[in-house]
Amino acid sequence: MFSCAEETEDPELITSDYFPLEIGTYSEYSVVETVYFGENDFETTNYYYRDELKDFYLNEMNETVYLFHRSKSTDRSDWTNEEVYTASFKQNRIIRNYNNQQEVILVYPVSLDLSWNGNSYNNYGEENYVIESIGSYILNEFAFSDAVKVRKSEEDDLITIRDNRYEVFVSNIGMVENYSEVFQYCSRNDCLGEQIIQEGRSTHMKLIDYGKI
């Protein structure tokens, strides 16, 4: 009985200003996604995501793991289950596990120009994430006073590749924006340097609603 009581109290001890871990909270996002299949061959879709923090459990190392349920809709009325992903807070790091890929999305204490390896918990190559800005942030109709922008990548050689990714987190809300565009340009002799997209994907998620159930 005493052991069980201690376990259920663990989540109350975990605090994360920019990525709140409170059961029952939700966030809704508008999403614009474009997939490039070849030169002048692409498809753009618009839809919505709803993420709900529904539960938690203790793993084999007695660490609290939080369960986020993501659902998808085209009209914000009919929702279908899309994904269950997890997040944990250890060694002052927020670790998100999405599609079986662990990613360090935030490191505390937050400070400008703070950098870390976002892939330190997976087998991908080292990738330097950096806190690009802290402070006010405007997103559509929202005006946030305390936001953190994490730059994951900003690369464009204008010849072969473009990799531009970032996320924005707001105090007491969590992630409010996720931007990703990863392209390969046509590198044949007849199109080299013309920035014609050969293949790739761009995805832009923006917060439209949040609260507690």
N, C-alpha and C. Protein backbone atom coordinates (compact mmCIF):
# COMPACT_ATOMS: atom_id res chain seq x y z
N MET A 1 0.83 -1.20 0.00
CA MET A 1 0.00 0.00 0.00
C MET A 1 0.87 1.25 0.00
N PHE A 2 1.89 1.26 0.85
CA PHE A 2 2.76 2.42 0.94
C PHE A 2 3.53 2.62 -0.36
N SER A 3 4.00 1.51 -0.96
CA SER A 3 4.74 1.59 -2.21
C SER A 3 3.88 2.16 -3.33
N CYS A 4 2.63 1.72 -3.43
CA CYS A 4 1.74 2.22 -4.46
C CYS A 4 1.50 3.71 -4.31
N ALA A 5 1.32 4.15 -3.09
CA ALA A 5 1.08 5.58 -2.84
C ALA A 5 2.27 6.40 -3.31
N GLU A 6 3.47 5.90 -3.06
CA GLU A 6 4.65 6.64 -3.50
C GLU A 6 4.70 6.75 -5.01
N GLU A 7 4.35 5.68 -5.73
CA GLU A 7 4.42 5.70 -7.18
C GLU A 7 3.43 6.69 -7.78
N THR A 8 2.21 6.74 -7.25
CA THR A 8 1.21 7.63 -7.82
C THR A 8 1.53 9.09 -7.52
N GLU A 9 2.37 9.35 -6.55
CA GLU A 9 2.72 10.73 -6.24
C GLU A 9 3.89 11.24 -7.08
N ASP A 10 4.62 10.33 -7.72
CA ASP A 10 5.79 10.74 -8.49
C ASP A 10 5.52 11.83 -9.52
N PRO A 11 4.42 11.74 -10.35
CA PRO A 11 4.19 12.76 -11.36
C PRO A 11 4.05 14.17 -10.80
N GLU A 12 3.55 14.29 -9.56
CA GLU A 12 3.38 15.60 -8.97
C GLU A 12 4.72 16.28 -8.70
N LEU A 13 5.79 15.52 -8.63
CA LEU A 13 7.10 16.08 -8.33
C LEU A 13 7.81 16.58 -9.57
N ILE A 14 7.30 16.23 -10.75
CA ILE A 14 7.96 16.58 -11.99
C ILE A 14 7.39 17.89 -12.52
N THR A 15 8.27 18.85 -12.76
CA THR A 15 7.84 20.13 -13.30
C THR A 15 8.60 20.43 -14.58
N SER A 16 7.91 20.98 -15.54
CA SER A 16 8.51 21.31 -16.83
C SER A 16 7.73 22.47 -17.42
N ASP A 17 8.21 23.68 -17.23
CA ASP A 17 7.47 24.87 -17.62
C ASP A 17 7.04 24.85 -19.08
N TYR A 18 7.97 24.51 -19.98
CA TYR A 18 7.70 24.62 -21.41
C TYR A 18 7.16 23.34 -22.04
N PHE A 19 7.02 22.30 -21.24
CA PHE A 19 6.42 21.06 -21.71
C PHE A 19 5.66 20.45 -20.54
N PRO A 20 4.53 21.05 -20.17
CA PRO A 20 3.78 20.60 -18.98
C PRO A 20 3.39 19.14 -19.08
N LEU A 21 3.52 18.45 -17.99
CA LEU A 21 3.19 17.02 -17.94
C LEU A 21 2.06 16.82 -16.93
N GLU A 22 0.88 17.25 -17.34
CA GLU A 22 -0.30 17.18 -16.48
C GLU A 22 -1.37 16.34 -17.18
N ILE A 23 -1.79 15.28 -16.52
CA ILE A 23 -2.79 14.39 -17.09
C ILE A 23 -4.09 15.15 -17.35
N GLY A 24 -4.67 14.94 -18.53
CA GLY A 24 -5.93 15.56 -18.86
C GLY A 24 -5.82 16.80 -19.74
N THR A 25 -4.61 17.24 -20.04
CA THR A 25 -4.44 18.40 -20.91
C THR A 25 -4.47 17.97 -22.37
N TYR A 26 -4.84 18.89 -23.23
CA TYR A 26 -4.89 18.61 -24.67
C TYR A 26 -4.43 19.83 -25.46
N SER A 27 -4.00 19.58 -26.68
CA SER A 27 -3.64 20.64 -27.63
C SER A 27 -4.13 20.23 -29.00
N GLU A 28 -4.67 21.19 -29.75
CA GLU A 28 -5.10 20.94 -31.12
C GLU A 28 -4.27 21.79 -32.08
N TYR A 29 -3.93 21.20 -33.21
CA TYR A 29 -3.07 21.87 -34.18
C TYR A 29 -3.68 21.80 -35.58
N SER A 30 -3.51 22.86 -36.33
CA SER A 30 -3.76 22.79 -37.77
C SER A 30 -2.46 22.34 -38.43
N VAL A 31 -2.59 21.51 -39.45
CA VAL A 31 -1.41 20.95 -40.11
C VAL A 31 -1.54 21.14 -41.62
N VAL A 32 -0.47 21.65 -42.22
CA VAL A 32 -0.37 21.72 -43.68
C VAL A 32 0.84 20.89 -44.07
N GLU A 33 0.60 19.88 -44.90
CA GLU A 33 1.67 18.97 -45.29
C GLU A 33 1.75 18.89 -46.81
N THR A 34 2.97 19.01 -47.33
CA THR A 34 3.20 18.86 -48.76
C THR A 34 4.25 17.78 -48.97
N VAL A 35 3.91 16.80 -49.80
CA VAL A 35 4.83 15.72 -50.13
C VAL A 35 5.22 15.87 -51.59
N TYR A 36 6.54 15.85 -51.85
CA TYR A 36 7.07 15.99 -53.19
C TYR A 36 7.51 14.62 -53.70
N PHE A 37 6.94 14.22 -54.83
CA PHE A 37 7.23 12.90 -55.41
C PHE A 37 8.24 13.00 -56.55
N GLY A 38 8.40 14.16 -57.11
CA GLY A 38 9.31 14.36 -58.23
C GLY A 38 9.22 15.80 -58.70
N GLU A 39 9.88 16.13 -59.76
CA GLU A 39 9.86 17.49 -60.28
C GLU A 39 8.44 17.88 -60.68
N ASN A 40 7.94 18.96 -60.07
CA ASN A 40 6.59 19.45 -60.35
C ASN A 40 5.51 18.43 -60.05
N ASP A 41 5.80 17.52 -59.15
CA ASP A 41 4.83 16.49 -58.76
C ASP A 41 4.75 16.48 -57.23
N PHE A 42 3.70 17.08 -56.70
CA PHE A 42 3.55 17.17 -55.26
C PHE A 42 2.08 17.17 -54.89
N GLU A 43 1.83 16.92 -53.61
CA GLU A 43 0.46 16.89 -53.10
C GLU A 43 0.42 17.58 -51.74
N THR A 44 -0.51 18.51 -51.57
CA THR A 44 -0.67 19.24 -50.31
C THR A 44 -1.97 18.85 -49.64
N THR A 45 -1.91 18.53 -48.36
CA THR A 45 -3.11 18.17 -47.60
C THR A 45 -3.19 19.03 -46.35
N ASN A 46 -4.42 19.28 -45.91
CA ASN A 46 -4.69 20.05 -44.70
C ASN A 46 -5.51 19.18 -43.75
N TYR A 47 -5.08 19.14 -42.50
CA TYR A 47 -5.80 18.34 -41.52
C TYR A 47 -5.49 18.88 -40.13
N TYR A 48 -5.97 18.18 -39.09
CA TYR A 48 -5.80 18.61 -37.71
C TYR A 48 -5.30 17.45 -36.86
N TYR A 49 -4.49 17.79 -35.88
CA TYR A 49 -4.05 16.85 -34.86
C TYR A 49 -4.60 17.30 -33.51
N ARG A 50 -4.94 16.33 -32.69
CA ARG A 50 -5.31 16.59 -31.30
C ARG A 50 -4.49 15.67 -30.42
N ASP A 51 -3.66 16.25 -29.56
CA ASP A 51 -2.83 15.50 -28.64
C ASP A 51 -3.39 15.61 -27.23
N GLU A 52 -3.63 14.45 -26.60
CA GLU A 52 -4.14 14.43 -25.22
C GLU A 52 -3.17 13.64 -24.34
N LEU A 53 -2.81 14.24 -23.21
CA LEU A 53 -1.97 13.55 -22.24
C LEU A 53 -2.91 12.76 -21.34
N LYS A 54 -2.98 11.43 -21.56
CA LYS A 54 -4.03 10.63 -20.93
C LYS A 54 -3.58 9.80 -19.74
N ASP A 55 -2.32 9.43 -19.69
CA ASP A 55 -1.94 8.48 -18.65
C ASP A 55 -0.43 8.50 -18.46
N PHE A 56 0.03 7.71 -17.50
CA PHE A 56 1.46 7.55 -17.25
C PHE A 56 1.69 6.16 -16.67
N TYR A 57 2.93 5.71 -16.71
CA TYR A 57 3.32 4.47 -16.06
C TYR A 57 4.77 4.58 -15.62
N LEU A 58 5.19 3.67 -14.76
CA LEU A 58 6.57 3.61 -14.33
C LEU A 58 7.28 2.50 -15.09
N ASN A 59 8.40 2.84 -15.73
CA ASN A 59 9.13 1.83 -16.48
C ASN A 59 10.00 1.00 -15.55
N GLU A 60 10.82 0.12 -16.15
CA GLU A 60 11.62 -0.81 -15.36
C GLU A 60 12.68 -0.10 -14.51
N MET A 61 12.98 1.17 -14.85
CA MET A 61 13.94 1.95 -14.07
C MET A 61 13.24 2.89 -13.09
N ASN A 62 11.93 2.65 -12.90
CA ASN A 62 11.11 3.45 -11.98
C ASN A 62 11.01 4.91 -12.42
N GLU A 63 11.10 5.14 -13.74
CA GLU A 63 10.96 6.48 -14.29
C GLU A 63 9.52 6.65 -14.80
N THR A 64 8.98 7.83 -14.62
CA THR A 64 7.62 8.11 -15.06
C THR A 64 7.61 8.39 -16.55
N VAL A 65 6.79 7.64 -17.26
CA VAL A 65 6.63 7.81 -18.70
C VAL A 65 5.19 8.24 -18.99
N TYR A 66 5.03 9.33 -19.74
CA TYR A 66 3.71 9.90 -20.00
C TYR A 66 3.22 9.50 -21.38
N LEU A 67 1.93 9.17 -21.47
CA LEU A 67 1.33 8.69 -22.71
C LEU A 67 0.48 9.77 -23.36
N PHE A 68 0.88 10.19 -24.55
CA PHE A 68 0.13 11.15 -25.35
C PHE A 68 -0.62 10.40 -26.45
N HIS A 69 -1.91 10.64 -26.54
CA HIS A 69 -2.73 10.03 -27.59
C HIS A 69 -2.98 11.08 -28.67
N ARG A 70 -2.53 10.80 -29.87
CA ARG A 70 -2.73 11.73 -30.98
C ARG A 70 -3.82 11.20 -31.90
N SER A 71 -4.78 12.05 -32.21
CA SER A 71 -5.84 11.72 -33.16
C SER A 71 -5.82 12.72 -34.31
N LYS A 72 -6.45 12.33 -35.42
CA LYS A 72 -6.39 13.12 -36.65
C LYS A 72 -7.79 13.35 -37.18
N SER A 73 -7.99 14.52 -37.78
CA SER A 73 -9.30 14.86 -38.33
C SER A 73 -9.13 15.82 -39.51
N THR A 74 -10.12 15.82 -40.39
CA THR A 74 -10.13 16.80 -41.47
C THR A 74 -11.13 17.93 -41.21
N ASP A 75 -11.96 17.76 -40.16
CA ASP A 75 -12.99 18.75 -39.89
C ASP A 75 -13.13 19.13 -38.41
N ARG A 76 -12.28 18.54 -37.55
CA ARG A 76 -12.31 18.77 -36.10
C ARG A 76 -13.59 18.24 -35.45
N SER A 77 -14.32 17.40 -36.16
CA SER A 77 -15.51 16.76 -35.61
C SER A 77 -15.32 15.26 -35.47
N ASP A 78 -14.91 14.63 -36.56
CA ASP A 78 -14.67 13.18 -36.56
C ASP A 78 -13.17 12.94 -36.43
N TRP A 79 -12.78 12.28 -35.32
CA TRP A 79 -11.38 12.05 -35.04
C TRP A 79 -11.07 10.56 -35.10
N THR A 80 -9.93 10.22 -35.66
CA THR A 80 -9.46 8.84 -35.70
C THR A 80 -8.11 8.74 -35.01
N ASN A 81 -7.89 7.62 -34.34
CA ASN A 81 -6.62 7.42 -33.65
C ASN A 81 -5.46 7.39 -34.64
N GLU A 82 -4.43 8.14 -34.34
CA GLU A 82 -3.27 8.24 -35.23
C GLU A 82 -2.02 7.61 -34.63
N GLU A 83 -1.75 7.90 -33.35
CA GLU A 83 -0.48 7.49 -32.76
C GLU A 83 -0.57 7.64 -31.24
N VAL A 84 0.13 6.78 -30.53
CA VAL A 84 0.39 6.98 -29.10
C VAL A 84 1.88 7.16 -28.95
N TYR A 85 2.28 8.31 -28.44
CA TYR A 85 3.70 8.55 -28.22
C TYR A 85 3.94 8.88 -26.76
N THR A 86 5.18 8.86 -26.35
CA THR A 86 5.49 9.05 -24.94
C THR A 86 6.47 10.19 -24.73
N ALA A 87 6.53 10.65 -23.51
CA ALA A 87 7.52 11.64 -23.12
C ALA A 87 7.95 11.34 -21.69
N SER A 88 9.18 11.62 -21.39
CA SER A 88 9.70 11.45 -20.03
C SER A 88 10.64 12.60 -19.71
N PHE A 89 10.89 12.80 -18.43
CA PHE A 89 11.72 13.90 -17.95
C PHE A 89 12.80 13.30 -17.07
N LYS A 90 14.02 13.27 -17.59
CA LYS A 90 15.12 12.72 -16.79
C LYS A 90 16.41 13.46 -17.10
N GLN A 91 17.23 13.60 -16.08
CA GLN A 91 18.50 14.31 -16.19
C GLN A 91 18.29 15.68 -16.83
N ASN A 92 17.23 16.36 -16.38
CA ASN A 92 16.89 17.70 -16.85
C ASN A 92 16.61 17.76 -18.34
N ARG A 93 16.20 16.64 -18.92
CA ARG A 93 15.90 16.58 -20.34
C ARG A 93 14.48 16.07 -20.57
N ILE A 94 13.79 16.70 -21.52
CA ILE A 94 12.52 16.19 -21.99
C ILE A 94 12.81 15.29 -23.18
N ILE A 95 12.45 14.01 -23.05
CA ILE A 95 12.71 13.03 -24.09
C ILE A 95 11.38 12.58 -24.66
N ARG A 96 11.18 12.86 -25.92
CA ARG A 96 9.94 12.46 -26.60
C ARG A 96 10.24 11.24 -27.47
N ASN A 97 9.36 10.24 -27.38
CA ASN A 97 9.51 9.02 -28.17
C ASN A 97 8.34 8.94 -29.14
N TYR A 98 8.61 9.28 -30.39
CA TYR A 98 7.57 9.30 -31.43
C TYR A 98 8.01 8.38 -32.57
N ASN A 99 7.14 7.47 -32.97
CA ASN A 99 7.49 6.49 -34.00
C ASN A 99 8.76 5.72 -33.65
N ASN A 100 8.87 5.38 -32.38
CA ASN A 100 10.01 4.60 -31.88
C ASN A 100 11.35 5.32 -32.03
N GLN A 101 11.31 6.63 -32.11
CA GLN A 101 12.54 7.42 -32.15
C GLN A 101 12.57 8.36 -30.96
N GLN A 102 13.54 8.15 -30.08
CA GLN A 102 13.70 9.02 -28.92
C GLN A 102 14.47 10.28 -29.31
N GLU A 103 13.94 11.42 -28.87
CA GLU A 103 14.51 12.71 -29.25
C GLU A 103 14.52 13.61 -28.02
N VAL A 104 15.65 14.24 -27.75
CA VAL A 104 15.75 15.20 -26.66
C VAL A 104 15.28 16.54 -27.19
N ILE A 105 14.07 16.95 -26.81
CA ILE A 105 13.50 18.16 -27.40
C ILE A 105 13.75 19.41 -26.58
N LEU A 106 14.06 19.24 -25.28
CA LEU A 106 14.35 20.39 -24.42
C LEU A 106 15.34 19.98 -23.34
N VAL A 107 16.14 20.94 -22.92
CA VAL A 107 17.08 20.73 -21.82
C VAL A 107 16.94 21.89 -20.85
N TYR A 108 16.89 21.57 -19.57
CA TYR A 108 16.78 22.59 -18.52
C TYR A 108 18.09 22.71 -17.75
N PRO A 109 18.37 23.91 -17.21
CA PRO A 109 17.60 25.15 -17.32
C PRO A 109 17.73 25.78 -18.70
N VAL A 110 16.63 26.32 -19.18
CA VAL A 110 16.59 26.93 -20.51
C VAL A 110 17.38 28.22 -20.50
N SER A 111 18.22 28.40 -21.54
CA SER A 111 18.97 29.64 -21.69
C SER A 111 19.28 29.86 -23.16
N LEU A 112 19.41 31.10 -23.54
CA LEU A 112 19.66 31.46 -24.93
C LEU A 112 20.98 30.85 -25.40
N ASP A 113 20.96 30.27 -26.59
CA ASP A 113 22.13 29.66 -27.24
C ASP A 113 22.54 28.33 -26.60
N LEU A 114 21.77 27.84 -25.63
CA LEU A 114 22.04 26.52 -25.08
C LEU A 114 21.91 25.48 -26.19
N SER A 115 22.86 24.56 -26.28
CA SER A 115 22.82 23.54 -27.34
C SER A 115 23.02 22.16 -26.74
N TRP A 116 22.53 21.13 -27.46
CA TRP A 116 22.65 19.75 -27.02
C TRP A 116 22.46 18.83 -28.22
N ASN A 117 22.80 17.58 -28.04
CA ASN A 117 22.62 16.58 -29.09
C ASN A 117 21.20 16.02 -29.00
N GLY A 118 20.36 16.36 -29.96
CA GLY A 118 18.98 15.89 -29.94
C GLY A 118 18.84 14.40 -30.14
N ASN A 119 19.90 13.75 -30.64
CA ASN A 119 19.86 12.31 -30.91
C ASN A 119 20.65 11.50 -29.90
N SER A 120 20.88 12.05 -28.73
CA SER A 120 21.73 11.35 -27.76
C SER A 120 21.11 10.08 -27.22
N TYR A 121 19.79 9.87 -27.41
CA TYR A 121 19.13 8.67 -26.92
C TYR A 121 18.71 7.74 -28.06
N ASN A 122 19.24 7.96 -29.25
CA ASN A 122 18.94 7.05 -30.36
C ASN A 122 20.21 6.76 -31.15
N ASN A 123 20.07 5.98 -32.21
CA ASN A 123 21.23 5.53 -32.98
C ASN A 123 21.52 6.39 -34.20
N TYR A 124 20.81 7.50 -34.34
CA TYR A 124 21.08 8.40 -35.45
C TYR A 124 22.34 9.21 -35.15
N GLY A 125 22.86 9.84 -36.16
CA GLY A 125 24.06 10.64 -35.96
C GLY A 125 23.80 11.86 -35.09
N GLU A 126 24.85 12.40 -34.53
CA GLU A 126 24.72 13.57 -33.65
C GLU A 126 24.11 14.74 -34.41
N GLU A 127 23.16 15.40 -33.75
CA GLU A 127 22.49 16.55 -34.35
C GLU A 127 22.37 17.65 -33.30
N ASN A 128 22.90 18.79 -33.61
CA ASN A 128 22.99 19.87 -32.64
C ASN A 128 21.71 20.70 -32.64
N TYR A 129 20.98 20.67 -31.50
CA TYR A 129 19.82 21.53 -31.30
C TYR A 129 20.28 22.74 -30.49
N VAL A 130 19.67 23.89 -30.76
CA VAL A 130 20.07 25.11 -30.05
C VAL A 130 18.85 25.96 -29.76
N ILE A 131 18.83 26.59 -28.59
CA ILE A 131 17.75 27.53 -28.26
C ILE A 131 18.04 28.84 -28.96
N GLU A 132 17.21 29.13 -29.95
CA GLU A 132 17.43 30.28 -30.83
C GLU A 132 16.87 31.58 -30.26
N SER A 133 15.76 31.48 -29.53
CA SER A 133 15.17 32.69 -28.95
C SER A 133 14.35 32.35 -27.73
N ILE A 134 14.23 33.31 -26.83
CA ILE A 134 13.39 33.20 -25.64
C ILE A 134 12.65 34.53 -25.48
N GLY A 135 11.35 34.45 -25.25
CA GLY A 135 10.59 35.69 -25.05
C GLY A 135 9.25 35.65 -25.75
N SER A 136 8.78 36.80 -26.19
CA SER A 136 7.46 36.89 -26.81
C SER A 136 7.45 36.22 -28.18
N TYR A 137 6.26 35.73 -28.54
CA TYR A 137 6.14 35.03 -29.82
C TYR A 137 4.70 35.15 -30.30
N ILE A 138 4.54 35.51 -31.57
CA ILE A 138 3.22 35.66 -32.17
C ILE A 138 2.95 34.46 -33.08
N LEU A 139 1.79 33.84 -32.90
CA LEU A 139 1.39 32.71 -33.73
C LEU A 139 -0.10 32.85 -34.01
N ASN A 140 -0.40 33.25 -35.23
CA ASN A 140 -1.80 33.51 -35.62
C ASN A 140 -2.44 34.48 -34.63
N GLU A 141 -3.53 34.06 -33.99
CA GLU A 141 -4.22 34.98 -33.07
C GLU A 141 -3.62 34.97 -31.67
N PHE A 142 -2.64 34.10 -31.42
CA PHE A 142 -2.03 34.01 -30.11
C PHE A 142 -0.84 34.96 -30.00
N ALA A 143 -0.74 35.58 -28.83
CA ALA A 143 0.42 36.41 -28.51
C ALA A 143 0.99 35.88 -27.20
N PHE A 144 2.06 35.11 -27.27
CA PHE A 144 2.66 34.49 -26.09
C PHE A 144 3.77 35.36 -25.54
N SER A 145 3.84 35.45 -24.22
CA SER A 145 4.85 36.29 -23.59
C SER A 145 6.12 35.53 -23.22
N ASP A 146 6.03 34.19 -23.14
CA ASP A 146 7.19 33.40 -22.69
C ASP A 146 7.30 32.14 -23.54
N ALA A 147 8.04 32.25 -24.62
CA ALA A 147 8.19 31.15 -25.56
C ALA A 147 9.67 30.85 -25.79
N VAL A 148 9.94 29.58 -26.12
CA VAL A 148 11.29 29.14 -26.44
C VAL A 148 11.27 28.51 -27.83
N LYS A 149 12.14 29.00 -28.70
CA LYS A 149 12.26 28.45 -30.05
C LYS A 149 13.51 27.60 -30.12
N VAL A 150 13.33 26.33 -30.46
CA VAL A 150 14.45 25.40 -30.57
C VAL A 150 14.73 25.14 -32.05
N ARG A 151 15.91 25.52 -32.48
CA ARG A 151 16.32 25.30 -33.86
C ARG A 151 16.99 23.92 -33.96
N LYS A 152 16.40 23.05 -34.78
CA LYS A 152 16.95 21.71 -34.95
C LYS A 152 17.92 21.64 -36.13
N SER A 153 17.59 22.34 -37.17
CA SER A 153 18.46 22.35 -38.34
C SER A 153 18.15 23.58 -39.19
N GLU A 154 19.18 24.14 -39.80
CA GLU A 154 19.01 25.24 -40.74
C GLU A 154 20.11 25.13 -41.79
N GLU A 155 19.80 24.32 -42.79
CA GLU A 155 20.80 24.01 -43.82
C GLU A 155 20.16 24.13 -45.19
N ASP A 156 20.82 24.83 -46.09
CA ASP A 156 20.37 24.92 -47.47
C ASP A 156 21.57 25.31 -48.31
N ASP A 157 22.09 24.34 -49.07
CA ASP A 157 23.25 24.64 -49.91
C ASP A 157 22.84 25.14 -51.29
N LEU A 158 21.51 25.23 -51.53
CA LEU A 158 20.94 25.75 -52.78
C LEU A 158 21.26 24.88 -53.99
N ILE A 159 21.85 23.71 -53.73
CA ILE A 159 22.25 22.84 -54.84
C ILE A 159 21.69 21.43 -54.68
N THR A 160 21.88 20.85 -53.48
CA THR A 160 21.47 19.45 -53.31
C THR A 160 20.43 19.25 -52.22
N ILE A 161 20.44 20.03 -51.15
CA ILE A 161 19.58 19.72 -50.01
C ILE A 161 19.14 20.98 -49.27
N ARG A 162 17.94 20.87 -48.70
CA ARG A 162 17.43 21.88 -47.76
C ARG A 162 16.87 21.14 -46.56
N ASP A 163 17.30 21.51 -45.36
CA ASP A 163 16.84 20.88 -44.12
C ASP A 163 16.61 22.00 -43.11
N ASN A 164 15.35 22.37 -42.94
CA ASN A 164 14.99 23.50 -42.08
C ASN A 164 13.93 23.02 -41.10
N ARG A 165 14.30 22.94 -39.80
CA ARG A 165 13.38 22.40 -38.79
C ARG A 165 13.49 23.18 -37.49
N TYR A 166 12.34 23.44 -36.87
CA TYR A 166 12.33 24.07 -35.55
C TYR A 166 11.04 23.73 -34.82
N GLU A 167 11.06 23.93 -33.50
CA GLU A 167 9.87 23.79 -32.66
C GLU A 167 9.81 24.97 -31.70
N VAL A 168 8.59 25.34 -31.32
CA VAL A 168 8.38 26.43 -30.37
C VAL A 168 7.57 25.90 -29.20
N PHE A 169 8.03 26.18 -28.00
CA PHE A 169 7.37 25.76 -26.76
C PHE A 169 7.02 27.00 -25.94
N VAL A 170 5.85 26.97 -25.32
CA VAL A 170 5.37 28.10 -24.53
C VAL A 170 5.14 27.66 -23.09
N SER A 171 5.52 28.52 -22.17
CA SER A 171 5.37 28.23 -20.75
C SER A 171 3.93 27.92 -20.39
N ASN A 172 3.73 26.82 -19.66
CA ASN A 172 2.43 26.35 -19.17
C ASN A 172 1.49 25.86 -20.28
N ILE A 173 1.99 25.75 -21.50
CA ILE A 173 1.17 25.22 -22.60
C ILE A 173 1.84 24.02 -23.26
N GLY A 174 3.10 24.18 -23.62
CA GLY A 174 3.81 23.11 -24.31
C GLY A 174 4.14 23.50 -25.74
N MET A 175 4.22 22.51 -26.62
CA MET A 175 4.56 22.80 -28.01
C MET A 175 3.42 23.53 -28.70
N VAL A 176 3.74 24.64 -29.36
CA VAL A 176 2.72 25.40 -30.07
C VAL A 176 2.98 25.42 -31.58
N GLU A 177 4.20 25.09 -31.99
CA GLU A 177 4.51 25.09 -33.41
C GLU A 177 5.61 24.10 -33.70
N ASN A 178 5.45 23.41 -34.85
CA ASN A 178 6.47 22.48 -35.33
C ASN A 178 6.59 22.68 -36.82
N TYR A 179 7.80 23.01 -37.26
CA TYR A 179 8.02 23.28 -38.68
C TYR A 179 9.13 22.39 -39.20
N SER A 180 8.89 21.76 -40.34
CA SER A 180 9.90 20.88 -40.92
C SER A 180 9.79 20.91 -42.43
N GLU A 181 10.90 21.20 -43.09
CA GLU A 181 10.98 21.05 -44.54
C GLU A 181 12.32 20.41 -44.87
N VAL A 182 12.25 19.24 -45.45
CA VAL A 182 13.44 18.48 -45.82
C VAL A 182 13.31 18.10 -47.28
N PHE A 183 14.14 18.71 -48.14
CA PHE A 183 14.06 18.51 -49.58
C PHE A 183 15.39 18.04 -50.13
N GLN A 184 15.30 17.34 -51.24
CA GLN A 184 16.46 17.10 -52.08
C GLN A 184 16.21 17.79 -53.41
N TYR A 185 17.17 18.63 -53.81
CA TYR A 185 17.05 19.33 -55.08
C TYR A 185 17.53 18.44 -56.23
N CYS A 186 17.00 18.70 -57.39
CA CYS A 186 17.47 18.04 -58.59
C CYS A 186 18.94 18.41 -58.81
N SER A 187 19.78 17.39 -58.97
CA SER A 187 21.22 17.64 -59.11
C SER A 187 21.77 17.17 -60.46
N ARG A 188 20.87 16.93 -61.42
CA ARG A 188 21.35 16.62 -62.77
C ARG A 188 22.00 17.85 -63.39
N ASN A 189 22.79 17.63 -64.40
CA ASN A 189 23.50 18.74 -65.04
C ASN A 189 22.54 19.79 -65.60
N ASP A 190 21.36 19.34 -66.06
CA ASP A 190 20.43 20.29 -66.68
C ASP A 190 19.60 21.08 -65.67
N CYS A 191 19.68 20.72 -64.38
CA CYS A 191 18.89 21.45 -63.38
C CYS A 191 19.70 21.80 -62.14
N LEU A 192 20.98 21.51 -62.12
CA LEU A 192 21.81 21.77 -60.95
C LEU A 192 21.80 23.25 -60.59
N GLY A 193 21.52 23.54 -59.32
CA GLY A 193 21.53 24.91 -58.84
C GLY A 193 20.25 25.67 -59.08
N GLU A 194 19.25 25.04 -59.70
CA GLU A 194 17.99 25.74 -59.98
C GLU A 194 16.96 25.56 -58.86
N GLN A 195 17.32 24.81 -57.81
CA GLN A 195 16.48 24.58 -56.64
C GLN A 195 15.13 23.97 -57.02
N ILE A 196 15.17 23.06 -57.96
CA ILE A 196 13.98 22.29 -58.32
C ILE A 196 13.89 21.09 -57.38
N ILE A 197 12.80 20.99 -56.65
CA ILE A 197 12.67 19.93 -55.64
C ILE A 197 12.45 18.58 -56.32
N GLN A 198 13.33 17.65 -56.01
CA GLN A 198 13.24 16.30 -56.56
C GLN A 198 12.34 15.41 -55.70
N GLU A 199 12.55 15.51 -54.39
CA GLU A 199 11.71 14.76 -53.46
C GLU A 199 11.84 15.38 -52.07
N GLY A 200 10.88 15.08 -51.21
CA GLY A 200 10.93 15.60 -49.86
C GLY A 200 9.56 15.85 -49.28
N ARG A 201 9.55 16.54 -48.16
CA ARG A 201 8.29 16.77 -47.44
C ARG A 201 8.41 18.03 -46.60
N SER A 202 7.33 18.78 -46.53
CA SER A 202 7.25 19.91 -45.61
C SER A 202 5.99 19.75 -44.76
N THR A 203 6.12 20.02 -43.46
CA THR A 203 5.00 19.91 -42.53
C THR A 203 5.03 21.10 -41.58
N HIS A 204 3.88 21.74 -41.43
CA HIS A 204 3.80 22.89 -40.53
C HIS A 204 2.60 22.70 -39.60
N MET A 205 2.88 22.51 -38.30
CA MET A 205 1.86 22.37 -37.27
C MET A 205 1.78 23.66 -36.46
N LYS A 206 0.56 24.16 -36.28
CA LYS A 206 0.37 25.38 -35.50
C LYS A 206 -0.79 25.21 -34.52
N LEU A 207 -0.57 25.61 -33.29
CA LEU A 207 -1.59 25.49 -32.25
C LEU A 207 -2.82 26.32 -32.58
N ILE A 208 -4.00 25.72 -32.40
CA ILE A 208 -5.25 26.46 -32.59
C ILE A 208 -6.15 26.40 -31.35
N ASP A 209 -5.88 25.45 -30.44
CA ASP A 209 -6.69 25.35 -29.23
C ASP A 209 -5.94 24.50 -28.21
N TYR A 210 -6.20 24.75 -26.94
CA TYR A 210 -5.58 23.96 -25.87
C TYR A 210 -6.42 24.11 -24.61
N GLY A 211 -6.22 23.20 -23.66
CA GLY A 211 -6.97 23.29 -22.42
C GLY A 211 -6.86 22.00 -21.63
N LYS A 212 -7.84 21.78 -20.78
CA LYS A 212 -7.86 20.59 -19.94
C LYS A 212 -9.25 19.97 -20.00
N ILE A 213 -9.29 18.66 -20.16
CA ILE A 213 -10.56 17.96 -20.29
C ILE A 213 -11.26 17.89 -18.94
